[in-house]
Structures are given as C-alpha cells and as structure tokens.
C-alpha cells in the first residue's frame, strides 16, 4: 500500500514540474504587443498559474494520502485541459 503512494508522490512531482515549466514559459514569453487590457490579462493568467502551482506544491507536501490524490487528479486535469485547448 505504501508503494502506491510513493508512486503517486513521484508522479505528482513530475506533473508539478511540468506545470512549473508551463508557468515559466508564460512568464518569460509575454508578448507586450497588446494594449493595456491585454497586458493586464497576461499578468492575471500568470498570477493564476503561480497560485495553482503553489497550491499543488502545498497539497503534495501535506502528509495525508488524500491530499496527494487530489493533487494528482487536479494537476493531471489541468495539464490535460491545456493539451486539448490548443
């Protein structure tokens, strides 16, 4: 039973690192060729991405098994949503 949660933990950290790479990509590739509303929207999306990243890290660091499962499901769904969106 403990091996399952170890595998879940490793998968979580892998998905969190992918999400962190996506956030870094958006942080360093802001276009700046839009009006003030577009720049504000880019900042808001970046802030939301950082907030989600911090929440996923926090859920994964908690010692409870159910928080690791929630982090796995939510990070998987977020990355799947990003994949099908493009």
Protein backbone atom coordinates (compact mmCIF):
# COMPACT_ATOMS: atom_id res chain seq x y z
CA UNK A 1 0.00 0.00 0.00
CA UNK A 2 2.84 2.36 0.79
CA UNK A 3 4.45 1.77 -2.61
CA UNK A 4 1.32 3.03 -4.34
CA UNK A 5 1.53 6.35 -2.53
CA UNK A 6 5.24 6.58 -3.26
CA UNK A 7 4.47 6.18 -6.96
CA UNK A 8 1.69 8.77 -6.67
CA UNK A 9 4.12 11.15 -4.97
CA UNK A 10 6.72 10.75 -7.74
CA UNK A 11 4.08 11.24 -10.44
CA UNK A 12 2.83 14.33 -8.60
CA UNK A 13 6.27 15.90 -8.53
CA UNK A 14 6.69 15.15 -12.22
CA UNK A 15 3.37 16.79 -13.08
CA UNK A 16 4.13 19.74 -10.80
CA UNK A 17 7.46 20.25 -12.54
CA UNK A 18 5.72 20.21 -15.93
CA UNK A 19 3.21 22.76 -14.63
CA UNK A 20 6.10 24.86 -13.31
CA UNK A 21 7.72 24.74 -16.75
CA UNK A 22 4.47 25.94 -18.31
CA UNK A 23 4.28 28.82 -15.83
CA UNK A 24 7.90 29.75 -16.52
CA UNK A 25 7.21 29.64 -20.25
CA UNK A 26 4.33 32.07 -19.85
CA UNK A 27 6.38 34.25 -17.51
CA UNK A 28 9.24 34.71 -19.95
CA UNK A 29 7.24 34.83 -23.18
CA UNK A 30 4.87 37.69 -22.57
CA UNK A 31 4.25 39.39 -25.88
CA UNK A 32 3.90 43.02 -24.85
CA UNK A 33 2.40 43.83 -28.26
CA UNK A 34 -1.10 44.33 -26.98
CA UNK A 35 -2.99 47.13 -25.32
CA UNK A 36 -3.23 47.72 -21.60
CA UNK A 37 -6.07 45.25 -21.15
CA UNK A 38 -4.11 42.51 -22.89
CA UNK A 39 -1.07 43.08 -20.71
CA UNK A 40 -3.27 43.03 -17.64
CA UNK A 41 -4.83 39.77 -18.75
CA UNK A 42 -1.39 38.24 -19.29
CA UNK A 43 -0.44 39.26 -15.77
CA UNK A 44 -3.66 37.80 -14.36
CA UNK A 45 -3.15 34.47 -16.14
CA UNK A 46 0.43 34.32 -14.91
CA UNK A 47 -0.71 35.06 -11.35
CA UNK A 48 -3.36 32.35 -11.55
CA UNK A 49 -0.77 29.88 -12.83
CA UNK A 50 1.58 30.69 -9.96
CA UNK A 51 -1.27 30.35 -7.47
CA UNK A 52 -2.22 26.93 -8.85
CA UNK A 53 1.44 25.87 -8.78
CA UNK A 54 1.75 26.87 -5.13
CA UNK A 55 -1.49 25.07 -4.25
CA UNK A 56 -0.30 21.88 -5.95
CA UNK A 57 3.04 22.04 -4.14
CA UNK A 58 1.26 22.64 -0.84
CA UNK A 59 -1.11 19.73 -1.39
CA UNK A 60 1.75 17.44 -2.27
CA UNK A 61 3.78 18.41 0.79
CA UNK A 62 0.99 17.62 3.25
CA UNK A 63 1.39 14.25 4.98
CA UNK A 64 -2.11 12.99 4.17
CA UNK A 65 -2.71 10.49 1.38
CA UNK A 66 -5.94 12.07 0.19
CA UNK A 67 -4.21 15.40 -0.49
CA UNK A 68 -1.69 13.66 -2.73
CA UNK A 69 -4.52 12.02 -4.66
CA UNK A 70 -6.29 15.37 -5.05
CA UNK A 71 -3.04 16.97 -6.24
CA UNK A 72 -2.57 14.15 -8.76
CA UNK A 73 -6.09 14.46 -10.13
CA UNK A 74 -6.09 18.25 -10.30
CA UNK A 75 -2.65 18.55 -11.89
CA UNK A 76 -3.50 15.85 -14.40
CA UNK A 77 -6.76 17.57 -15.29
CA UNK A 78 -5.05 20.95 -15.62
CA UNK A 79 -2.39 19.64 -17.96
CA UNK A 80 -4.98 17.68 -19.95
CA UNK A 81 -7.05 20.86 -20.28
CA UNK A 82 -4.02 22.75 -21.56
CA UNK A 83 -3.29 19.96 -24.03
CA UNK A 84 -6.79 19.78 -25.53
CA UNK A 85 -7.17 23.55 -25.54
CA UNK A 86 -4.54 24.01 -28.23
